[in-house]
Amino acid sequence: MRKIKQYCFIIFLLSVFWLLVTYIQNVIFPVRFLPHNFFILELLDKRVELLPGLLLMMGAGNIILLWLISKRFFSSPYYFLPSIIYALSPWSSYLIAAGSFYIYLLFLLLIIFYGLILLKSGCRFWGTILTAVVTAITLYSSFFLFVILPVSFTGIVILKVISFKEFKNTIILLIILTFPLLIYISGNYPGLRNIFFSEINVISDPGLLNAVNKYQGAARSKGLGGLAKISENKYIFLTEYLFLKYAKSFVPATYFTPAEKLLNFSFSPPIYLGFLIPFLYGLYKFLNPSILRKILLLSTVLVIPSVLAKPLVDLNRLVLFAPVVIFVISYGYVKMIEQKEKTKFLILLSIVIIVFQLFVTFFDIQARERDRFVKYFDQNYQIGKQ
């Protein structure tokens, strides 16, 4: 009976999520990202576009994966919290409506994480197969994750989240599966170089060079031109800017307010402000157990694609980090409920704010969102490169 109730609740969440995405599509349609190609196909100079229906199914799949993963961390009924937060938050819904390639990558990352959990929990065979196969698919799919995942796996072993003995078979199988990709990359340097500069478009931002020229011009007018070439050159300025972008990726306002615009125009926050209370509480509690600190530290590499994008914060790419924020929120709720005598008011306040924001968001999407979209995009319904 308990399993039937669980499945019914998951079906309910999937239905809510499906309706939310469809609702957003109907209001702001046909806004779309320019198609993002797979890494291997870009090297082969071929193109394949993900179908919108497939992205919607993967978005729904993320709800199921969050549920499966959280069952390994939280007791009943708290393991539904990550799926509820994901289903209710506008972040993934907007990106699916616009055809974001990063929803597909998020789906793969969640499967990889579930495979690592199986590996750690003693289910070696299925953990090895699932982790290696899906990681290989991910490496063939994304240039960024082709770099990030090996770094993450190295960190997992070094920090002893998973021992090398447990991980050895996964690494061997992964090397075998990705060997053709490595061979092709080694013989296609021009193609790899083009992909590098295409994906890391913060380098091509003309605003950075203009800012450097402006500072150097101001320094020359004061007779400090020689010193400015050392202190205000483009390399130092780019490094400072990347640190700023990295720090901005962890500021709560990025996630819980509309300070950074979804799809570059929306007023809806990525995650509702009411979730900020359990997030801060969960972050405080999250830093105590050493294993959770290690996981949190390793997860910060997921913000790198956003850091290397042209905007200060790219919410499209930053969605890869969304599960980390969601699990911290869920952990905060669990700890608050365990101490409900002390935190009862905070729990109630959080729920009231979330319910209020839900109504405001739906009204705002219906009444004003399309006007904002038309004002920003005019007749151009594509949102540039992902």
Protein backbone atom coordinates (compact mmCIF):
# COMPACT_ATOMS: atom_id res chain seq x y z
CA MET A 1 0.00 0.00 0.00
CA ARG A 2 2.86 2.38 0.84
CA LYS A 3 4.50 1.80 -2.56
CA ILE A 4 1.18 2.44 -4.32
CA LYS A 5 0.87 5.78 -2.49
CA GLN A 6 4.43 6.68 -3.47
CA TYR A 7 3.82 5.93 -7.14
CA CYS A 8 0.53 7.86 -7.09
CA PHE A 9 2.26 10.90 -5.61
CA ILE A 10 5.04 10.74 -8.21
CA ILE A 11 2.41 10.53 -10.98
CA PHE A 12 0.69 13.57 -9.44
CA LEU A 13 3.99 15.52 -9.42
CA LEU A 14 4.68 14.53 -13.02
CA SER A 15 1.21 15.74 -14.00
CA VAL A 16 1.73 19.09 -12.25
CA PHE A 17 5.12 19.50 -13.91
CA TRP A 18 3.74 18.56 -17.33
CA LEU A 19 0.92 21.09 -16.97
CA LEU A 20 3.31 23.84 -15.84
CA VAL A 21 5.61 23.34 -18.84
CA THR A 22 2.65 23.22 -21.24
CA TYR A 23 1.18 26.36 -19.67
CA ILE A 24 4.46 28.27 -20.07
CA GLN A 25 4.82 27.04 -23.67
CA ASN A 26 1.32 28.29 -24.49
CA VAL A 27 1.99 31.72 -22.98
CA ILE A 28 5.49 32.50 -24.30
CA PHE A 29 5.64 30.17 -27.31
CA PRO A 30 7.51 30.04 -29.69
CA VAL A 31 10.63 31.28 -27.84
CA ARG A 32 13.48 28.81 -28.48
CA PHE A 33 17.19 28.49 -27.94
CA LEU A 34 19.28 28.06 -31.05
CA PRO A 35 19.89 24.30 -31.41
CA HIS A 36 22.89 23.03 -29.44
CA ASN A 37 24.78 20.21 -31.09
CA PHE A 38 26.31 17.13 -29.48
CA PHE A 39 30.08 17.25 -28.90
CA ILE A 40 30.87 14.22 -31.05
CA LEU A 41 28.58 15.40 -33.88
CA GLU A 42 30.20 18.83 -33.80
CA LEU A 43 33.56 17.14 -34.30
CA LEU A 44 32.08 15.13 -37.19
CA ASP A 45 30.50 18.30 -38.64
CA LYS A 46 26.98 16.85 -38.44
CA ARG A 47 23.89 18.13 -36.61
CA VAL A 48 21.04 16.55 -34.65
CA GLU A 49 18.47 18.54 -32.67
CA LEU A 50 16.72 17.20 -29.57
CA LEU A 51 12.95 17.05 -29.99
CA PRO A 52 10.88 19.20 -27.55
CA GLY A 53 8.83 16.17 -26.52
CA LEU A 54 12.00 14.29 -25.61
CA LEU A 55 13.18 17.18 -23.44
CA LEU A 56 9.84 17.24 -21.65
CA MET A 57 10.14 13.52 -20.91
CA MET A 58 13.67 14.06 -19.59
CA GLY A 59 12.43 16.90 -17.39
CA ALA A 60 9.83 14.51 -16.00
CA GLY A 61 12.55 11.87 -15.68
CA ASN A 62 14.52 14.29 -13.50
CA ILE A 63 11.63 14.26 -11.02
CA ILE A 64 11.78 10.46 -10.82
CA LEU A 65 15.58 10.46 -10.51
CA LEU A 66 15.51 13.03 -7.71
CA TRP A 67 13.01 10.80 -5.91
CA LEU A 68 15.18 7.69 -6.36
CA ILE A 69 18.31 9.51 -5.21
CA SER A 70 16.65 11.16 -2.20
CA LYS A 71 15.33 7.77 -1.01
CA ARG A 72 18.98 6.93 -0.31
CA PHE A 73 19.41 10.01 1.91
CA PHE A 74 16.05 10.81 3.51
CA SER A 75 13.49 8.72 5.36
CA SER A 76 9.79 8.53 4.44
CA PRO A 77 8.05 10.82 3.52
CA TYR A 78 10.87 13.38 3.26
CA TYR A 79 12.35 11.78 0.15
CA PHE A 80 9.60 13.47 -1.88
CA LEU A 81 10.92 16.95 -1.04
CA PRO A 82 13.51 17.31 -3.88
CA SER A 83 10.96 16.19 -6.49
CA ILE A 84 8.34 18.62 -5.13
CA ILE A 85 10.79 21.56 -5.21
CA TYR A 86 11.90 20.69 -8.76
CA ALA A 87 8.33 20.25 -10.02
CA LEU A 88 7.07 23.53 -8.54
CA SER A 89 10.03 25.78 -9.40
CA PRO A 90 9.83 27.66 -12.74
CA TRP A 91 13.52 27.12 -13.56
CA SER A 92 13.44 23.83 -15.44
CA SER A 93 9.95 24.50 -16.84
CA TYR A 94 11.10 27.64 -18.65
CA LEU A 95 14.21 25.92 -20.00
CA ILE A 96 12.22 22.95 -21.31
CA ALA A 97 9.72 25.31 -22.95
CA ALA A 98 12.66 26.97 -24.73
CA GLY A 99 14.34 23.70 -25.72
CA SER A 100 17.43 23.87 -23.48
CA PHE A 101 20.12 21.27 -24.21
CA TYR A 102 21.17 21.49 -20.56
CA ILE A 103 18.00 19.74 -19.39
CA TYR A 104 19.27 16.71 -21.31
CA LEU A 105 22.69 17.03 -19.64
CA LEU A 106 21.05 17.41 -16.22
CA PHE A 107 19.13 14.18 -16.85
CA LEU A 108 22.41 12.35 -17.61
CA LEU A 109 24.16 13.82 -14.55
CA LEU A 110 21.40 12.65 -12.23
CA ILE A 111 21.66 9.12 -13.65
CA ILE A 112 25.44 9.20 -13.12
CA PHE A 113 24.97 10.33 -9.52
CA TYR A 114 22.46 7.54 -8.93
CA GLY A 115 24.98 5.07 -10.39
CA LEU A 116 27.63 6.37 -7.98
CA ILE A 117 25.21 5.85 -5.09
CA LEU A 118 24.66 2.24 -6.20
CA LEU A 119 28.42 1.81 -6.44
CA LYS A 120 28.95 3.21 -2.93
CA SER A 121 26.11 1.19 -1.42
CA GLY A 122 27.61 -2.14 -2.53
CA CYS A 123 25.64 -2.74 -5.73
CA ARG A 124 28.92 -2.92 -7.68
CA PHE A 125 27.74 -4.52 -10.93
CA TRP A 126 24.80 -2.21 -11.73
CA GLY A 127 26.59 0.80 -10.26
CA THR A 128 29.60 0.21 -12.50
CA ILE A 129 27.54 -0.40 -15.65
CA LEU A 130 25.18 2.54 -15.10
CA THR A 131 27.94 5.01 -14.16
CA ALA A 132 30.34 4.03 -16.96
CA VAL A 133 27.80 3.80 -19.78
CA VAL A 134 25.94 7.04 -18.97
CA THR A 135 29.19 8.90 -18.29
CA ALA A 136 30.43 7.79 -21.72
CA ILE A 137 27.22 9.09 -23.32
CA THR A 138 27.70 12.37 -21.46
CA LEU A 139 31.31 12.74 -22.60
CA TYR A 140 30.24 12.17 -26.20
CA SER A 141 27.47 14.78 -25.71
CA SER A 142 29.13 17.77 -24.08
CA PHE A 143 32.54 19.44 -24.37
CA PHE A 144 32.18 20.96 -20.90
CA LEU A 145 31.33 17.67 -19.21
CA PHE A 146 34.11 15.98 -21.19
CA VAL A 147 36.43 18.09 -19.01
CA ILE A 148 34.39 18.40 -15.81
CA LEU A 149 33.45 14.75 -15.19
CA PRO A 150 37.02 13.37 -15.21
CA VAL A 151 38.01 16.16 -12.80
CA SER A 152 35.02 15.29 -10.58
CA PHE A 153 35.81 11.58 -10.59
CA THR A 154 39.42 12.33 -9.67
CA GLY A 155 38.18 14.46 -6.78
CA ILE A 156 35.83 11.69 -5.65
CA VAL A 157 38.77 9.28 -5.37
CA ILE A 158 41.21 11.80 -3.81
CA LEU A 159 38.70 12.90 -1.16
CA LYS A 160 37.79 9.22 -0.57
CA VAL A 161 34.08 9.72 -1.17
CA ILE A 162 34.42 6.47 -3.12
CA SER A 163 37.61 4.42 -2.85
CA PHE A 164 39.75 3.66 -5.91
CA LYS A 165 39.10 -0.05 -5.37
CA GLU A 166 35.34 0.53 -5.67
CA PHE A 167 35.81 2.83 -8.67
CA LYS A 168 38.49 0.89 -10.58
CA ASN A 169 36.19 -1.22 -12.78
CA THR A 170 34.12 1.85 -13.66
CA ILE A 171 37.23 3.73 -14.81
CA ILE A 172 38.44 0.79 -16.93
CA LEU A 173 35.06 0.36 -18.63
CA LEU A 174 34.75 4.12 -19.16
CA ILE A 175 38.19 4.30 -20.84
CA ILE A 176 37.20 1.48 -23.19
CA LEU A 177 33.90 3.16 -24.10
CA THR A 178 35.44 6.59 -24.71
CA PHE A 179 38.59 5.39 -26.50
CA PRO A 180 37.12 6.10 -29.99
CA LEU A 181 36.27 9.67 -28.92
CA LEU A 182 39.80 10.22 -27.59
CA ILE A 183 41.32 8.90 -30.83
CA TYR A 184 39.14 11.14 -32.96
CA ILE A 185 39.90 14.22 -30.82
CA SER A 186 43.64 13.61 -31.09
CA GLY A 187 43.36 13.70 -34.89
CA ASN A 188 40.99 16.66 -35.13
CA TYR A 189 42.68 19.56 -33.35
CA PRO A 190 41.09 22.31 -35.55
CA GLY A 191 37.59 21.00 -34.79
CA LEU A 192 38.31 20.84 -31.06
CA ARG A 193 39.72 24.37 -31.14
CA ASN A 194 36.57 25.69 -32.84
CA ILE A 195 34.37 24.00 -30.23
CA PHE A 196 36.53 25.41 -27.43
CA PHE A 197 36.11 29.01 -28.55
CA SER A 198 32.44 28.45 -29.37
CA GLU A 199 31.57 27.05 -25.93
CA ILE A 200 33.82 29.35 -23.86
CA ASN A 201 32.27 32.52 -25.21
CA VAL A 202 33.24 34.70 -22.24
CA ILE A 203 36.56 35.14 -24.08
CA SER A 204 34.82 36.63 -27.10
CA ASP A 205 32.86 39.21 -25.09
CA PRO A 206 33.79 42.60 -26.61
CA GLY A 207 32.65 44.34 -23.44
CA LEU A 208 35.70 43.00 -21.55
CA LEU A 209 38.17 44.41 -24.07
CA ASN A 210 36.31 47.74 -24.13
CA ALA A 211 36.49 47.93 -20.32
CA VAL A 212 40.24 47.23 -20.37
CA ASN A 213 40.79 49.93 -23.00
CA LYS A 214 38.71 52.37 -20.97
CA TYR A 215 40.72 51.77 -17.78
CA GLN A 216 44.04 51.98 -19.62
CA GLY A 217 42.94 55.21 -21.33
CA ALA A 218 42.03 56.72 -17.96
CA ALA A 219 45.41 55.65 -16.55
CA ARG A 220 47.31 57.16 -19.51
CA SER A 221 45.52 60.46 -18.99
CA LYS A 222 47.01 60.52 -15.48
CA GLY A 223 50.48 59.58 -16.70
CA LEU A 224 50.25 55.98 -15.51
CA GLY A 225 50.06 54.24 -18.89
CA GLY A 226 53.05 51.93 -18.27
CA LEU A 227 51.69 50.77 -14.91
CA ALA A 228 48.22 50.21 -16.40
CA LYS A 229 49.62 47.73 -18.93
CA ILE A 230 50.64 45.56 -15.99
CA SER A 231 47.73 46.12 -13.60
CA GLU A 232 44.86 46.52 -16.09
CA ASN A 233 45.72 44.16 -18.94
CA LYS A 234 43.08 41.85 -20.42
CA TYR A 235 44.43 38.71 -18.73
CA ILE A 236 44.23 40.12 -15.20
CA PHE A 237 40.86 41.72 -15.95
CA LEU A 238 39.51 38.41 -17.34
CA THR A 239 40.77 36.52 -14.27
CA GLU A 240 39.07 39.01 -11.94
CA TYR A 241 35.88 38.81 -13.98
CA LEU A 242 35.88 34.99 -13.85
CA PHE A 243 36.27 35.10 -10.05
CA LEU A 244 33.35 37.52 -9.90
CA LYS A 245 31.22 35.21 -12.06
CA TYR A 246 32.21 32.20 -9.93
CA ALA A 247 31.28 34.00 -6.70
CA LYS A 248 28.00 35.22 -8.23
CA SER A 249 27.06 31.58 -8.90
CA PHE A 250 26.77 30.98 -5.14
CA VAL A 251 24.92 34.14 -4.13
CA PRO A 252 21.38 33.23 -2.90
CA ALA A 253 19.87 36.15 -4.87
CA THR A 254 20.86 34.35 -8.08
CA TYR A 255 18.50 31.48 -7.28
CA PHE A 256 15.72 32.92 -5.13
CA THR A 257 15.01 36.29 -6.78
CA PRO A 258 14.45 37.47 -10.37
CA ALA A 259 17.77 39.37 -10.26
CA GLU A 260 19.00 37.06 -13.05
CA LYS A 261 16.34 36.70 -15.74
CA LEU A 262 15.11 33.30 -16.90
CA LEU A 263 15.46 33.22 -20.71
CA ASN A 264 16.83 36.79 -20.40
CA PHE A 265 13.40 38.36 -19.88
CA SER A 266 11.22 36.60 -17.28
CA PHE A 267 10.30 38.05 -13.89
CA SER A 268 9.86 34.56 -12.36
CA PRO A 269 12.64 33.55 -9.94
CA PRO A 270 14.42 30.24 -10.68
CA ILE A 271 13.40 28.93 -7.22
CA TYR A 272 10.74 30.54 -5.04
CA LEU A 273 11.93 32.90 -2.31
CA GLY A 274 10.15 30.88 0.40
CA PHE A 275 12.71 28.09 -0.11
CA LEU A 276 15.50 30.46 0.96
CA ILE A 277 14.74 29.84 4.66
CA PRO A 278 15.31 26.05 4.58
CA PHE A 279 18.22 26.60 2.14
CA LEU A 280 20.15 28.75 4.62
CA TYR A 281 19.32 26.40 7.49
CA GLY A 282 20.24 23.37 5.38
CA LEU A 283 23.53 24.94 4.27
CA TYR A 284 24.45 25.57 7.91
CA LYS A 285 23.70 21.94 8.80
CA PHE A 286 25.22 20.63 5.56
CA LEU A 287 28.67 21.90 6.50
CA ASN A 288 28.91 19.81 9.68
CA PRO A 289 29.25 16.17 8.46
CA SER A 290 32.59 15.79 6.61
CA ILE A 291 31.17 13.59 3.82
CA LEU A 292 28.52 16.22 2.99
CA ARG A 293 31.18 18.96 2.91
CA LYS A 294 33.19 16.89 0.44
CA ILE A 295 30.17 16.32 -1.80
CA LEU A 296 29.30 20.02 -1.69
CA LEU A 297 32.88 20.96 -2.57
CA LEU A 298 32.99 18.55 -5.52
CA SER A 299 29.62 19.76 -6.82
CA THR A 300 30.90 23.33 -7.25
CA VAL A 301 32.56 22.33 -10.56
CA LEU A 302 29.06 22.21 -12.05
CA VAL A 303 28.94 26.03 -12.14
CA ILE A 304 31.93 26.16 -14.54
CA PRO A 305 29.80 26.14 -17.74
CA SER A 306 27.94 29.22 -16.45
CA VAL A 307 31.20 30.91 -15.41
CA LEU A 308 32.59 30.47 -18.94
CA ALA A 309 29.45 31.85 -20.62
CA LYS A 310 29.16 35.44 -21.83
CA PRO A 311 26.47 36.66 -19.33
CA LEU A 312 27.46 37.33 -15.73
CA VAL A 313 25.19 34.43 -14.74
CA ASP A 314 23.81 32.00 -17.32
CA LEU A 315 20.79 30.32 -15.72
CA ASN A 316 20.52 27.97 -18.68
CA ARG A 317 23.94 26.44 -17.98
CA LEU A 318 23.66 26.91 -14.21
CA VAL A 319 20.70 24.49 -14.10
CA LEU A 320 23.32 21.72 -13.83
CA PHE A 321 23.91 22.98 -10.28
CA ALA A 322 20.18 23.12 -9.46
CA PRO A 323 19.99 19.62 -7.83
CA VAL A 324 22.65 20.70 -5.32
CA VAL A 325 20.57 23.72 -4.30
CA ILE A 326 17.43 21.56 -4.19
CA PHE A 327 19.02 18.93 -1.95
CA VAL A 328 20.36 21.60 0.44
CA ILE A 329 16.81 23.01 0.68
CA SER A 330 15.40 19.53 1.32
CA TYR A 331 18.04 18.82 3.96
CA GLY A 332 17.15 22.11 5.63
CA TYR A 333 13.45 21.20 5.72
CA VAL A 334 14.22 17.78 7.23
CA LYS A 335 16.39 19.30 9.96
CA MET A 336 13.79 21.99 10.65
CA ILE A 337 11.02 19.39 10.96
CA GLU A 338 13.19 17.35 13.35
CA GLN A 339 13.41 20.44 15.57
CA LYS A 340 9.91 21.69 14.85
CA GLU A 341 9.40 23.08 18.36
CA LYS A 342 12.15 25.62 17.64
CA THR A 343 11.56 26.09 13.92
CA LYS A 344 7.77 25.82 13.63
CA PHE A 345 7.38 29.51 12.80
CA LEU A 346 10.11 29.36 10.11
CA ILE A 347 8.47 26.32 8.46
CA LEU A 348 5.08 28.02 8.43
CA LEU A 349 6.57 31.28 7.11
CA SER A 350 8.36 29.40 4.33
CA ILE A 351 5.18 27.62 3.22
CA VAL A 352 3.11 30.84 3.28
CA ILE A 353 5.68 32.67 1.11
CA ILE A 354 5.83 29.75 -1.36
CA VAL A 355 2.04 29.54 -1.72
CA PHE A 356 1.82 33.31 -2.18
CA GLN A 357 4.56 33.25 -4.82
CA LEU A 358 2.88 30.40 -6.67
CA PHE A 359 -0.28 32.46 -7.15
CA VAL A 360 1.70 35.61 -8.03
CA THR A 361 3.81 33.72 -10.57
CA PHE A 362 0.85 32.16 -12.36
CA PHE A 363 -0.94 35.51 -12.50
CA ASP A 364 2.23 37.27 -13.68
CA ILE A 365 2.90 34.70 -16.41
CA GLN A 366 -0.65 35.03 -17.70
CA ALA A 367 -0.89 38.81 -17.48
CA ARG A 368 2.57 40.18 -18.25
CA GLU A 369 5.07 37.53 -19.34
CA ARG A 370 4.30 37.56 -23.04
CA ASP A 371 4.44 41.39 -23.09
CA ARG A 372 7.92 41.24 -21.55
CA PHE A 373 8.92 38.62 -24.10
CA VAL A 374 7.71 40.71 -27.06
CA LYS A 375 9.35 43.84 -25.63
CA TYR A 376 12.69 42.07 -25.28
CA PHE A 377 12.72 39.83 -28.36
CA ASP A 378 10.37 41.74 -30.68
CA GLN A 379 9.88 39.33 -33.62
CA ASN A 380 13.06 37.35 -32.93
CA TYR A 381 11.97 34.16 -31.19
CA GLN A 382 15.40 32.60 -30.75
CA ILE A 383 17.61 33.20 -27.71
CA GLY A 384 21.08 32.85 -29.21
CA LYS A 385 23.65 30.17 -28.50
CA GLN A 386 23.26 27.99 -25.41
